[in-house]
Amino acid sequence: MTSGFETILIIDDDETISEILEAILEDDYDLSLADSAMKGLALARSEAPDLILLDIAMPDLDGYEVCRLLKSDVLTNYIPIIFITAKSSAEDETRGLEAGAVDYITKPINPSIVKARVRNHMELKKQRDFLKKLSFTDVLTNLPNRRWFDMWLDREWRRCWRTEKPLSLIMVDIDYFVSYNEEYGDLAGDECIRGVAEHLSQVPRRGGDLLGRFSGQKFAVILPDTPWESLDMLCEKFREVVEQAGIIHDHSTVSNVVTVSVGASAFVPHKDLEPSMLLNKADQMLTMAKKEGHNRVCIDKPNEAWAKRPT
C-alpha cells in the first residue's frame, strides 16, 4: 500500500475478480489485497482501511461471518463494508445488510457501478469522520478528549493483548495550576493549558500513539508497543519541553515558570488485567511525583506478565 490516497482493502479468493477491481480502482485509491478471509481480517486490524470490498463466497469463512467479526471488533467496527457477490436476491441482500454491510456490488463487475458506489461511500465516511472528530476533540486544546482517550485505550489494550506487546501510559499534570488560575485569572489559565498542550504535542510520537487532554490541567499519553525501558526518556521529554517553554509562573514553589509532574506505567495486557488498572497505576505514579517535589518523573515497575513476555 502506498501513501497519499484513501485506502481500500479487497478480500476475495478469486484472483480474477481481485485483478479486475484493482484495475478499476488503483488510480484513485491505495489498495491492499487479501486472498482469504483470515488474511483479510488480519489486514483490516493492522491497516484500518477506509473501506473494505468483501467477497461473500470464500472457502475458509464466508463473507457474512467475516463481516460480523469485523463489526464486533472495536478495531474495525467503524469501517464500511461493501459485499462483492453473484447473489442478488432480496433475501441475500437483507442478510448482508443485517450482518453490517453498507452496500452490494454484484457480479459480473461493472466498472462504472463500482466506481460510483465506492465514491459515494467514501464521501459518506468523510462526513462521518468529520462529525466524529468534532465530538471527540477537546475544544480548548484541539487534542483528543477524554471520550476518545478512553476508546483508544480500550482499542490498544485489546490489540496488545492479542499481540502480547507492551502498552505504556503516561500522565502529565501542570504543577500548582490552582495558584496559577487564582493569580492570573481563568482566561490566562486557559492560555496556559493551551500552551502546555502545544508544547507536549511537539514531542515526537508514532502513528499509534495518542496524546489527549484527560481532565482539567491533566494530559495523558497512550503508547502501544512501547517498552518499559523507554519510558524514562519519553517522560523526561514531556517534562523538559514544558519547562523549556518558559511560561511565567511566579506563584509556583518549584520554579518561576510552568512545570509539570509526570507519572507512567507499562503493562503487558492479559486476562487478569483491565485497562483501568494501567490508568490507575500511572495516576498513582503521578501523585508520587507531586509528593516528591513536583517537576519530576515517577515510573512504576513493569507487571509480572512483562517478565514472562516472549523474547
C-alpha atoms as a PDB file:
ATOM      1  CA  MET A   1       0.000   0.000   0.000  1.00  0.00           C
ATOM      2  CA  THR A   2       1.342   3.413  -0.971  1.00  0.00           C
ATOM      3  CA  SER A   3       0.517   6.692   0.744  1.00  0.00           C
ATOM      4  CA  GLY A   4      -1.485   9.735  -0.235  1.00  0.00           C
ATOM      5  CA  PHE A   5      -4.919   8.283  -1.126  1.00  0.00           C
ATOM      6  CA  GLU A   6      -7.910   6.860   0.674  1.00  0.00           C
ATOM      7  CA  THR A   7      -7.413   3.168   1.345  1.00  0.00           C
ATOM      8  CA  ILE A   8      -9.399   0.118   0.291  1.00  0.00           C
ATOM      9  CA  LEU A   9      -8.928  -3.498   1.360  1.00  0.00           C
ATOM     10  CA  ILE A  10     -10.148  -6.107  -1.158  1.00  0.00           C
ATOM     11  CA  ILE A  11     -10.855  -9.521   0.386  1.00  0.00           C
ATOM     12  CA  ASP A  12     -11.533 -12.077  -2.341  1.00  0.00           C
ATOM     13  CA  ASP A  13     -10.113 -15.534  -3.040  1.00  0.00           C
ATOM     14  CA  ASP A  14     -10.865 -15.161  -6.766  1.00  0.00           C
ATOM     15  CA  GLU A  15      -7.696 -13.756  -8.300  1.00  0.00           C
ATOM     16  CA  THR A  16      -9.502 -12.665 -11.462  1.00  0.00           C
ATOM     17  CA  ILE A  17     -12.058 -10.581  -9.547  1.00  0.00           C
ATOM     18  CA  SER A  18      -9.324  -9.014  -7.426  1.00  0.00           C
ATOM     19  CA  GLU A  19      -7.387  -8.059 -10.560  1.00  0.00           C
ATOM     20  CA  ILE A  20     -10.493  -6.510 -12.133  1.00  0.00           C
ATOM     21  CA  LEU A  21     -11.243  -4.462  -9.011  1.00  0.00           C
ATOM     22  CA  GLU A  22      -7.603  -3.430  -8.763  1.00  0.00           C
ATOM     23  CA  ALA A  23      -7.607  -2.210 -12.375  1.00  0.00           C
ATOM     24  CA  ILE A  24     -10.798  -0.201 -11.764  1.00  0.00           C
ATOM     25  CA  LEU A  25      -9.704   1.452  -8.506  1.00  0.00           C
ATOM     26  CA  GLU A  26      -5.899   1.654  -8.442  1.00  0.00           C
ATOM     27  CA  ASP A  27      -5.699   5.140  -9.993  1.00  0.00           C
ATOM     28  CA  ASP A  28      -7.868   6.691  -7.279  1.00  0.00           C
ATOM     29  CA  TYR A  29      -7.168   4.691  -4.121  1.00  0.00           C
ATOM     30  CA  ASP A  30      -4.461   2.852  -2.206  1.00  0.00           C
ATOM     31  CA  LEU A  31      -5.283  -0.861  -2.386  1.00  0.00           C
ATOM     32  CA  SER A  32      -4.446  -3.882  -0.251  1.00  0.00           C
ATOM     33  CA  LEU A  33      -5.389  -7.404  -1.359  1.00  0.00           C
ATOM     34  CA  ALA A  34      -6.184 -10.490   0.708  1.00  0.00           C
ATOM     35  CA  ASP A  35      -6.932 -13.837  -0.901  1.00  0.00           C
ATOM     36  CA  SER A  36      -8.549 -15.392   2.188  1.00  0.00           C
ATOM     37  CA  ALA A  37     -10.867 -14.361   4.994  1.00  0.00           C
ATOM     38  CA  MET A  38      -8.245 -14.807   7.713  1.00  0.00           C
ATOM     39  CA  LYS A  39      -5.673 -12.722   5.834  1.00  0.00           C
ATOM     40  CA  GLY A  40      -8.328 -10.087   5.281  1.00  0.00           C
ATOM     41  CA  LEU A  41      -9.213  -9.932   8.988  1.00  0.00           C
ATOM     42  CA  ALA A  42      -5.551  -9.528   9.900  1.00  0.00           C
ATOM     43  CA  LEU A  43      -5.015  -6.752   7.337  1.00  0.00           C
ATOM     44  CA  ALA A  44      -8.176  -4.934   8.415  1.00  0.00           C
ATOM     45  CA  ARG A  45      -6.973  -4.865  12.021  1.00  0.00           C
ATOM     46  CA  SER A  46      -3.425  -3.815  11.207  1.00  0.00           C
ATOM     47  CA  GLU A  47      -4.057  -1.309   8.391  1.00  0.00           C
ATOM     48  CA  ALA A  48      -7.507   0.106   9.285  1.00  0.00           C
ATOM     49  CA  PRO A  49      -8.573   0.840   5.676  1.00  0.00           C
ATOM     50  CA  ASP A  50     -11.201   3.440   4.804  1.00  0.00           C
ATOM     51  CA  LEU A  51     -13.361   0.859   3.016  1.00  0.00           C
ATOM     52  CA  ILE A  52     -13.497  -2.933   2.594  1.00  0.00           C
ATOM     53  CA  LEU A  53     -14.695  -4.787  -0.524  1.00  0.00           C
ATOM     54  CA  LEU A  54     -15.594  -8.263   0.696  1.00  0.00           C
ATOM     55  CA  ASP A  55     -16.439 -11.383  -1.291  1.00  0.00           C
ATOM     56  CA  ILE A  56     -19.261 -13.482   0.180  1.00  0.00           C
ATOM     57  CA  ALA A  57     -18.222 -16.921  -1.106  1.00  0.00           C
ATOM     58  CA  MET A  58     -14.825 -17.872   0.323  1.00  0.00           C
ATOM     59  CA  PRO A  59     -13.562 -21.310   1.408  1.00  0.00           C
ATOM     60  CA  ASP A  60     -12.294 -20.545   4.924  1.00  0.00           C
ATOM     61  CA  LEU A  61     -15.052 -18.207   6.196  1.00  0.00           C
ATOM     62  CA  ASP A  62     -17.962 -16.800   4.230  1.00  0.00           C
ATOM     63  CA  GLY A  63     -18.308 -13.042   3.850  1.00  0.00           C
ATOM     64  CA  TYR A  64     -21.248 -12.832   6.253  1.00  0.00           C
ATOM     65  CA  GLU A  65     -19.170 -14.250   9.094  1.00  0.00           C
ATOM     66  CA  VAL A  66     -16.183 -12.057   8.208  1.00  0.00           C
ATOM     67  CA  CYS A  67     -18.472  -9.034   8.258  1.00  0.00           C
ATOM     68  CA  ARG A  68     -19.846  -9.988  11.679  1.00  0.00           C
ATOM     69  CA  LEU A  69     -16.323 -10.457  13.047  1.00  0.00           C
ATOM     70  CA  LEU A  70     -15.228  -7.071  11.709  1.00  0.00           C
ATOM     71  CA  LYS A  71     -18.296  -5.338  13.162  1.00  0.00           C
ATOM     72  CA  SER A  72     -17.823  -6.978  16.580  1.00  0.00           C
ATOM     73  CA  ASP A  73     -14.203  -5.810  16.868  1.00  0.00           C
ATOM     74  CA  VAL A  74     -13.522  -2.329  18.287  1.00  0.00           C
ATOM     75  CA  LEU A  75     -10.531  -2.060  15.941  1.00  0.00           C
ATOM     76  CA  THR A  76     -12.620  -2.452  12.783  1.00  0.00           C
ATOM     77  CA  ASN A  77     -16.319  -1.904  13.543  1.00  0.00           C
ATOM     78  CA  TYR A  78     -16.358   1.601  12.038  1.00  0.00           C
ATOM     79  CA  ILE A  79     -15.044   0.533   8.600  1.00  0.00           C
ATOM     80  CA  PRO A  80     -17.753   0.446   5.874  1.00  0.00           C
ATOM     81  CA  ILE A  81     -18.042  -2.878   4.057  1.00  0.00           C
ATOM     82  CA  ILE A  82     -19.362  -3.455   0.538  1.00  0.00           C
ATOM     83  CA  PHE A  83     -20.122  -7.053  -0.424  1.00  0.00           C
ATOM     84  CA  ILE A  84     -18.933  -8.412  -3.774  1.00  0.00           C
ATOM     85  CA  THR A  85     -21.266 -11.224  -4.796  1.00  0.00           C
ATOM     86  CA  ALA A  86     -23.036 -13.081  -7.567  1.00  0.00           C
ATOM     87  CA  LYS A  87     -26.099 -13.356  -5.305  1.00  0.00           C
ATOM     88  CA  SER A  88     -28.620 -10.606  -5.914  1.00  0.00           C
ATOM     89  CA  SER A  89     -31.855 -11.777  -4.299  1.00  0.00           C
ATOM     90  CA  ALA A  90     -33.636  -9.618  -1.739  1.00  0.00           C
ATOM     91  CA  GLU A  91     -33.020 -12.307   0.879  1.00  0.00           C
ATOM     92  CA  ASP A  92     -29.260 -12.302   0.226  1.00  0.00           C
ATOM     93  CA  GLU A  93     -29.075  -8.506   0.344  1.00  0.00           C
ATOM     94  CA  THR A  94     -31.093  -8.394   3.574  1.00  0.00           C
ATOM     95  CA  ARG A  95     -28.789 -10.944   5.176  1.00  0.00           C
ATOM     96  CA  GLY A  96     -25.722  -8.928   4.201  1.00  0.00           C
ATOM     97  CA  LEU A  97     -27.134  -5.624   5.412  1.00  0.00           C
ATOM     98  CA  GLU A  98     -28.147  -7.215   8.716  1.00  0.00           C
ATOM     99  CA  ALA A  99     -24.579  -8.506   9.106  1.00  0.00           C
ATOM    100  CA  GLY A 100     -23.346  -4.914   8.863  1.00  0.00           C
ATOM    101  CA  ALA A 101     -22.548  -4.266   5.184  1.00  0.00           C
ATOM    102  CA  VAL A 102     -23.425  -0.857   3.724  1.00  0.00           C
ATOM    103  CA  ASP A 103     -23.924  -1.920   0.089  1.00  0.00           C
ATOM    104  CA  TYR A 104     -23.662  -4.611  -2.574  1.00  0.00           C
ATOM    105  CA  ILE A 105     -21.756  -4.851  -5.850  1.00  0.00           C
ATOM    106  CA  THR A 106     -22.937  -7.768  -7.954  1.00  0.00           C
ATOM    107  CA  LYS A 107     -21.027  -9.880 -10.437  1.00  0.00           C
ATOM    108  CA  PRO A 108     -20.302  -9.573 -13.304  1.00  0.00           C
ATOM    109  CA  ILE A 109     -18.382  -6.470 -12.290  1.00  0.00           C
ATOM    110  CA  ASN A 110     -19.494  -3.200 -13.876  1.00  0.00           C
ATOM    111  CA  PRO A 111     -16.645  -0.628 -13.600  1.00  0.00           C
ATOM    112  CA  SER A 112     -18.964   2.404 -13.574  1.00  0.00           C
ATOM    113  CA  ILE A 113     -21.086   0.979 -10.766  1.00  0.00           C
ATOM    114  CA  VAL A 114     -18.025   0.006  -8.739  1.00  0.00           C
ATOM    115  CA  LYS A 115     -16.525   3.483  -9.030  1.00  0.00           C
ATOM    116  CA  ALA A 116     -19.811   5.218  -8.208  1.00  0.00           C
ATOM    117  CA  ARG A 117     -20.630   3.115  -5.149  1.00  0.00           C
ATOM    118  CA  VAL A 118     -17.112   3.263  -3.780  1.00  0.00           C
ATOM    119  CA  ARG A 119     -17.004   7.041  -4.305  1.00  0.00           C
ATOM    120  CA  ASN A 120     -20.359   7.543  -2.596  1.00  0.00           C
ATOM    121  CA  HIS A 121     -19.400   5.534   0.466  1.00  0.00           C
ATOM    122  CA  MET A 122     -16.029   7.258   0.691  1.00  0.00           C
ATOM    123  CA  GLU A 123     -17.823  10.615   0.778  1.00  0.00           C
ATOM    124  CA  LEU A 124     -20.200   9.385   3.467  1.00  0.00           C
ATOM    125  CA  LYS A 125     -17.252   8.143   5.516  1.00  0.00           C
ATOM    126  CA  LYS A 126     -15.532  11.530   5.224  1.00  0.00           C
ATOM    127  CA  GLN A 127     -18.638  13.204   6.614  1.00  0.00           C
ATOM    128  CA  ARG A 128     -18.907  10.696   9.459  1.00  0.00           C
ATOM    129  CA  ASP A 129     -15.210  11.075  10.261  1.00  0.00           C
ATOM    130  CA  PHE A 130     -15.561  14.864  10.385  1.00  0.00           C
ATOM    131  CA  LEU A 131     -18.514  14.688  12.777  1.00  0.00           C
ATOM    132  CA  LYS A 132     -16.716  12.058  14.827  1.00  0.00           C
ATOM    133  CA  LYS A 133     -13.647  14.273  15.116  1.00  0.00           C
ATOM    134  CA  LEU A 134     -15.783  17.163  16.363  1.00  0.00           C
ATOM    135  CA  SER A 135     -17.360  15.002  19.062  1.00  0.00           C
ATOM    136  CA  PHE A 136     -14.027  13.558  20.158  1.00  0.00           C
ATOM    137  CA  THR A 137     -11.936  16.760  20.156  1.00  0.00           C
ATOM    138  CA  ASP A 138     -11.275  18.978  23.169  1.00  0.00           C
ATOM    139  CA  VAL A 139     -12.311  22.499  22.184  1.00  0.00           C
ATOM    140  CA  LEU A 140      -9.634  24.315  24.194  1.00  0.00           C
ATOM    141  CA  THR A 141      -6.556  22.334  23.132  1.00  0.00           C
ATOM    142  CA  ASN A 142      -7.701  20.652  19.895  1.00  0.00           C
ATOM    143  CA  LEU A 143      -6.398  17.390  21.360  1.00  0.00           C
ATOM    144  CA  PRO A 144      -8.463  14.202  21.625  1.00  0.00           C
ATOM    145  CA  ASN A 145     -10.854  14.496  24.569  1.00  0.00           C
ATOM    146  CA  ARG A 146     -11.459  12.043  27.413  1.00  0.00           C
ATOM    147  CA  ARG A 147     -14.121  10.174  25.474  1.00  0.00           C
ATOM    148  CA  TRP A 148     -11.755   9.482  22.581  1.00  0.00           C
ATOM    149  CA  PHE A 149      -8.921   8.702  25.007  1.00  0.00           C
ATOM    150  CA  ASP A 150     -10.987   6.006  26.754  1.00  0.00           C
ATOM    151  CA  MET A 151     -11.968   4.417  23.428  1.00  0.00           C
ATOM    152  CA  TRP A 152      -8.375   4.464  22.169  1.00  0.00           C
ATOM    153  CA  LEU A 153      -7.091   2.926  25.406  1.00  0.00           C
ATOM    154  CA  ASP A 154      -9.614   0.089  25.106  1.00  0.00           C
ATOM    155  CA  ARG A 155      -8.711  -0.431  21.448  1.00  0.00           C
ATOM    156  CA  GLU A 156      -4.965  -0.563  22.053  1.00  0.00           C
ATOM    157  CA  TRP A 157      -5.371  -2.718  25.159  1.00  0.00           C
ATOM    158  CA  ARG A 158      -7.219  -5.337  23.075  1.00  0.00           C
ATOM    159  CA  ARG A 159      -4.660  -5.149  20.283  1.00  0.00           C
ATOM    160  CA  CYS A 160      -1.674  -5.506  22.632  1.00  0.00           C
ATOM    161  CA  TRP A 161      -3.437  -8.382  24.385  1.00  0.00           C
ATOM    162  CA  ARG A 162      -3.694 -10.232  21.068  1.00  0.00           C
ATOM    163  CA  THR A 163      -0.110  -9.491  20.055  1.00  0.00           C
ATOM    164  CA  GLU A 164       1.386  -9.903  23.574  1.00  0.00           C
ATOM    165  CA  LYS A 165       3.030  -6.495  23.218  1.00  0.00           C
ATOM    166  CA  PRO A 166       3.525  -3.928  25.986  1.00  0.00           C
ATOM    167  CA  LEU A 167       1.210  -0.950  26.439  1.00  0.00           C
ATOM    168  CA  SER A 168       2.537   2.115  28.227  1.00  0.00           C
ATOM    169  CA  LEU A 169       0.657   5.099  29.609  1.00  0.00           C
ATOM    170  CA  ILE A 170       1.982   8.493  30.719  1.00  0.00           C
ATOM    171  CA  MET A 171       0.068  11.008  32.845  1.00  0.00           C
ATOM    172  CA  VAL A 172       1.128  14.695  32.822  1.00  0.00           C
ATOM    173  CA  ASP A 173      -0.232  17.316  35.251  1.00  0.00           C
ATOM    174  CA  ILE A 174       0.539  21.044  35.411  1.00  0.00           C
ATOM    175  CA  ASP A 175       2.161  21.909  38.742  1.00  0.00           C
ATOM    176  CA  TYR A 176       0.419  24.437  41.017  1.00  0.00           C
ATOM    177  CA  PHE A 177      -2.219  25.192  38.425  1.00  0.00           C
ATOM    178  CA  VAL A 178      -4.784  26.268  41.031  1.00  0.00           C
ATOM    179  CA  SER A 179      -2.489  29.049  42.220  1.00  0.00           C
ATOM    180  CA  TYR A 180      -1.805  29.990  38.580  1.00  0.00           C
ATOM    181  CA  ASN A 181      -5.521  30.386  37.955  1.00  0.00           C
ATOM    182  CA  GLU A 182      -6.030  32.345  41.166  1.00  0.00           C
ATOM    183  CA  GLU A 183      -3.247  34.805  40.423  1.00  0.00           C
ATOM    184  CA  TYR A 184      -3.572  35.246  36.654  1.00  0.00           C
ATOM    185  CA  GLY A 185      -7.287  34.545  36.082  1.00  0.00           C
ATOM    186  CA  ASP A 186      -9.319  31.926  34.249  1.00  0.00           C
ATOM    187  CA  LEU A 187      -8.554  33.250  30.756  1.00  0.00           C
ATOM    188  CA  ALA A 188      -4.825  33.119  31.448  1.00  0.00           C
ATOM    189  CA  GLY A 189      -5.358  29.636  32.864  1.00  0.00           C
ATOM    190  CA  ASP A 190      -6.944  28.555  29.610  1.00  0.00           C
ATOM    191  CA  GLU A 191      -3.994  30.008  27.698  1.00  0.00           C
ATOM    192  CA  CYS A 192      -1.640  28.115  29.980  1.00  0.00           C
ATOM    193  CA  ILE A 193      -3.398  24.812  29.317  1.00  0.00           C
ATOM    194  CA  ARG A 194      -3.421  25.535  25.577  1.00  0.00           C
ATOM    195  CA  GLY A 195       0.292  26.422  25.633  1.00  0.00           C
ATOM    196  CA  VAL A 196       1.234  23.270  27.553  1.00  0.00           C
ATOM    197  CA  ALA A 197      -0.797  21.186  25.089  1.00  0.00           C
ATOM    198  CA  GLU A 198       1.015  22.753  22.142  1.00  0.00           C
ATOM    199  CA  HIS A 199       4.421  22.026  23.639  1.00  0.00           C
ATOM    200  CA  LEU A 200       3.531  18.462  24.637  1.00  0.00           C
ATOM    201  CA  SER A 201       2.408  17.933  21.043  1.00  0.00           C
ATOM    202  CA  GLN A 202       5.935  18.779  19.870  1.00  0.00           C
ATOM    203  CA  VAL A 203       7.369  15.613  21.421  1.00  0.00           C
ATOM    204  CA  PRO A 204       7.732  13.122  18.537  1.00  0.00           C
ATOM    205  CA  ARG A 205       5.168  10.309  18.553  1.00  0.00           C
ATOM    206  CA  ARG A 206       4.383   7.360  16.307  1.00  0.00           C
ATOM    207  CA  GLY A 207       1.152   6.852  14.409  1.00  0.00           C
ATOM    208  CA  GLY A 208      -0.477   4.649  17.070  1.00  0.00           C
ATOM    209  CA  ASP A 209       0.450   6.904  19.993  1.00  0.00           C
ATOM    210  CA  LEU A 210      -2.205   9.235  21.362  1.00  0.00           C
ATOM    211  CA  LEU A 211      -1.821  12.434  23.398  1.00  0.00           C
ATOM    212  CA  GLY A 212      -5.098  13.656  24.847  1.00  0.00           C
ATOM    213  CA  ARG A 213      -6.491  16.093  27.376  1.00  0.00           C
ATOM    214  CA  PHE A 214      -7.535  13.844  30.225  1.00  0.00           C
ATOM    215  CA  SER A 215      -9.216  16.374  32.530  1.00  0.00           C
ATOM    216  CA  GLY A 216      -8.666  19.974  33.604  1.00  0.00           C
ATOM    217  CA  GLN A 217      -4.916  20.605  33.580  1.00  0.00           C
ATOM    218  CA  LYS A 218      -4.095  16.901  33.167  1.00  0.00           C
ATOM    219  CA  PHE A 219      -2.946  15.186  29.965  1.00  0.00           C
ATOM    220  CA  ALA A 220      -2.363  11.529  29.131  1.00  0.00           C
ATOM    221  CA  VAL A 221      -0.350   9.665  26.500  1.00  0.00           C
ATOM    222  CA  ILE A 222      -1.099   6.128  25.255  1.00  0.00           C
ATOM    223  CA  LEU A 223       1.964   4.372  23.831  1.00  0.00           C
ATOM    224  CA  PRO A 224       1.316   0.937  22.264  1.00  0.00           C
ATOM    225  CA  ASP A 225       4.216  -1.471  21.868  1.00  0.00           C
ATOM    226  CA  THR A 226       6.487   0.830  23.874  1.00  0.00           C
ATOM    227  CA  PRO A 227       8.955  -0.977  26.126  1.00  0.00           C
ATOM    228  CA  TRP A 228       9.111  -0.091  29.787  1.00  0.00           C
ATOM    229  CA  GLU A 229      12.816   0.644  29.350  1.00  0.00           C
ATOM    230  CA  SER A 230      11.977   3.558  27.014  1.00  0.00           C
ATOM    231  CA  LEU A 231       9.554   5.280  29.363  1.00  0.00           C
ATOM    232  CA  ASP A 232      12.073   7.284  31.373  1.00  0.00           C
ATOM    233  CA  MET A 233      13.426   9.049  28.300  1.00  0.00           C
ATOM    234  CA  LEU A 234       9.945   9.760  26.941  1.00  0.00           C
ATOM    235  CA  CYS A 235       8.668  11.084  30.271  1.00  0.00           C
ATOM    236  CA  GLU A 236      11.673  13.366  30.596  1.00  0.00           C
ATOM    237  CA  LYS A 237      10.998  14.755  27.123  1.00  0.00           C
ATOM    238  CA  PHE A 238       7.452  15.671  28.111  1.00  0.00           C
ATOM    239  CA  ARG A 239       8.652  17.258  31.350  1.00  0.00           C
ATOM    240  CA  GLU A 240      11.520  19.166  29.725  1.00  0.00           C
ATOM    241  CA  VAL A 241       9.547  20.552  26.774  1.00  0.00           C
ATOM    242  CA  VAL A 242       7.118  22.285  29.145  1.00  0.00           C
ATOM    243  CA  GLU A 243       9.787  23.671  31.442  1.00  0.00           C
ATOM    244  CA  GLN A 244      11.826  24.939  28.494  1.00  0.00           C
ATOM    245  CA  ALA A 245       8.764  26.723  27.089  1.00  0.00           C
ATOM    246  CA  GLY A 246       9.297  29.338  29.807  1.00  0.00           C
ATOM    247  CA  ILE A 247       5.635  30.116  30.586  1.00  0.00           C
ATOM    248  CA  ILE A 248       5.923  32.512  33.556  1.00  0.00           C
ATOM    249  CA  HIS A 249       4.543  31.239  36.883  1.00  0.00           C
ATOM    250  CA  ASP A 250       5.729  33.471  39.729  1.00  0.00           C
ATOM    251  CA  HIS A 251       3.467  31.716  42.210  1.00  0.00           C
ATOM    252  CA  SER A 252       4.904  28.224  41.862  1.00  0.00           C
ATOM    253  CA  THR A 253       7.043  26.955  44.740  1.00  0.00           C
ATOM    254  CA  VAL A 254       9.199  24.810  42.467  1.00  0.00           C
ATOM    255  CA  SER A 255      10.120  27.241  39.645  1.00  0.00           C
ATOM    256  CA  ASN A 256       9.359  30.674  38.207  1.00  0.00           C
ATOM    257  CA  VAL A 257       7.984  29.014  35.058  1.00  0.00           C
ATOM    258  CA  VAL A 258       5.212  26.488  34.480  1.00  0.00           C
ATOM    259  CA  THR A 259       6.343  22.913  35.094  1.00  0.00           C
ATOM    260  CA  VAL A 260       4.666  19.514  35.005  1.00  0.00           C
ATOM    261  CA  SER A 261       4.829  16.339  37.047  1.00  0.00           C
ATOM    262  CA  VAL A 262       4.800  13.053  35.151  1.00  0.00           C
ATOM    263  CA  GLY A 263       3.758   9.530  36.124  1.00  0.00           C
ATOM    264  CA  ALA A 264       3.907   6.420  33.967  1.00  0.00           C
ATOM    265  CA  SER A 265       3.264   2.717  33.927  1.00  0.00           C
ATOM    266  CA  ALA A 266       3.527  -0.154  31.455  1.00  0.00           C
ATOM    267  CA  PHE A 267       1.642  -3.452  31.298  1.00  0.00           C
ATOM    268  CA  VAL A 268       1.585  -6.438  29.019  1.00  0.00           C
ATOM    269  CA  PRO A 269      -2.196  -6.942  28.896  1.00  0.00           C
ATOM    270  CA  HIS A 270      -3.646 -10.318  29.837  1.00  0.00           C
ATOM    271  CA  LYS A 271      -6.944 -11.809  31.006  1.00  0.00           C
ATOM    272  CA  ASP A 272      -6.483 -10.899  34.678  1.00  0.00           C
ATOM    273  CA  LEU A 273      -5.997  -7.182  33.986  1.00  0.00           C
ATOM    274  CA  GLU A 274      -8.240  -4.300  32.915  1.00  0.00           C
ATOM    275  CA  PRO A 275      -7.220  -1.073  31.106  1.00  0.00           C
ATOM    276  CA  SER A 276      -8.297   0.887  34.190  1.00  0.00           C
ATOM    277  CA  MET A 277      -5.511  -0.794  36.162  1.00  0.00           C
ATOM    278  CA  LEU A 278      -2.883   0.661  33.832  1.00  0.00           C
ATOM    279  CA  LEU A 279      -4.525   4.071  34.086  1.00  0.00           C
ATOM    280  CA  ASN A 280      -4.756   3.940  37.883  1.00  0.00           C
ATOM    281  CA  LYS A 281      -1.143   2.869  38.251  1.00  0.00           C
ATOM    282  CA  ALA A 282       0.099   5.733  36.063  1.00  0.00           C
ATOM    283  CA  ASP A 283      -2.042   8.140  38.091  1.00  0.00           C
ATOM    284  CA  GLN A 284      -0.537   6.775  41.316  1.00  0.00           C
ATOM    285  CA  MET A 285       2.917   7.456  39.907  1.00  0.00           C
ATOM    286  CA  LEU A 286       1.820  10.995  39.039  1.00  0.00           C
ATOM    287  CA  THR A 287       0.679  11.533  42.631  1.00  0.00           C
ATOM    288  CA  MET A 288       4.024  10.248  43.857  1.00  0.00           C
ATOM    289  CA  ALA A 289       5.890  12.661  41.565  1.00  0.00           C
ATOM    290  CA  LYS A 290       3.963  15.544  43.104  1.00  0.00           C
ATOM    291  CA  LYS A 291       4.535  14.326  46.662  1.00  0.00           C
ATOM    292  CA  GLU A 292       8.255  14.060  45.987  1.00  0.00           C
ATOM    293  CA  GLY A 293       8.504  17.715  44.986  1.00  0.00           C
ATOM    294  CA  HIS A 294       6.819  18.309  41.590  1.00  0.00           C
ATOM    295  CA  ASN A 295       8.564  18.876  38.244  1.00  0.00           C
ATOM    296  CA  ARG A 296       9.765  15.291  38.191  1.00  0.00           C
ATOM    297  CA  VAL A 297       9.048  11.830  36.789  1.00  0.00           C
ATOM    298  CA  CYS A 298       7.943   8.668  38.597  1.00  0.00           C
ATOM    299  CA  ILE A 299       7.577   5.358  36.740  1.00  0.00           C
ATOM    300  CA  ASP A 300       6.035   2.132  38.013  1.00  0.00           C
ATOM    301  CA  LYS A 301       7.802  -1.193  37.719  1.00  0.00           C
ATOM    302  CA  PRO A 302       6.501  -3.479  34.950  1.00  0.00           C
ATOM    303  CA  ASN A 303       3.827  -6.065  35.781  1.00  0.00           C
ATOM    304  CA  GLU A 304       4.551  -9.783  36.091  1.00  0.00           C
ATOM    305  CA  ALA A 305       3.412 -10.541  32.557  1.00  0.00           C
ATOM    306  CA  TRP A 306       6.214  -8.313  31.349  1.00  0.00           C
ATOM    307  CA  ALA A 307       8.885 -10.593  32.746  1.00  0.00           C
ATOM    308  CA  LYS A 308       7.167 -13.581  31.102  1.00  0.00           C
ATOM    309  CA  ARG A 309       6.738 -11.944  27.685  1.00  0.00           C
ATOM    310  CA  PRO A 310       8.145 -13.842  24.682  1.00  0.00           C
ATOM    311  CA  THR A 311      11.673 -12.866  23.694  1.00  0.00           C
END
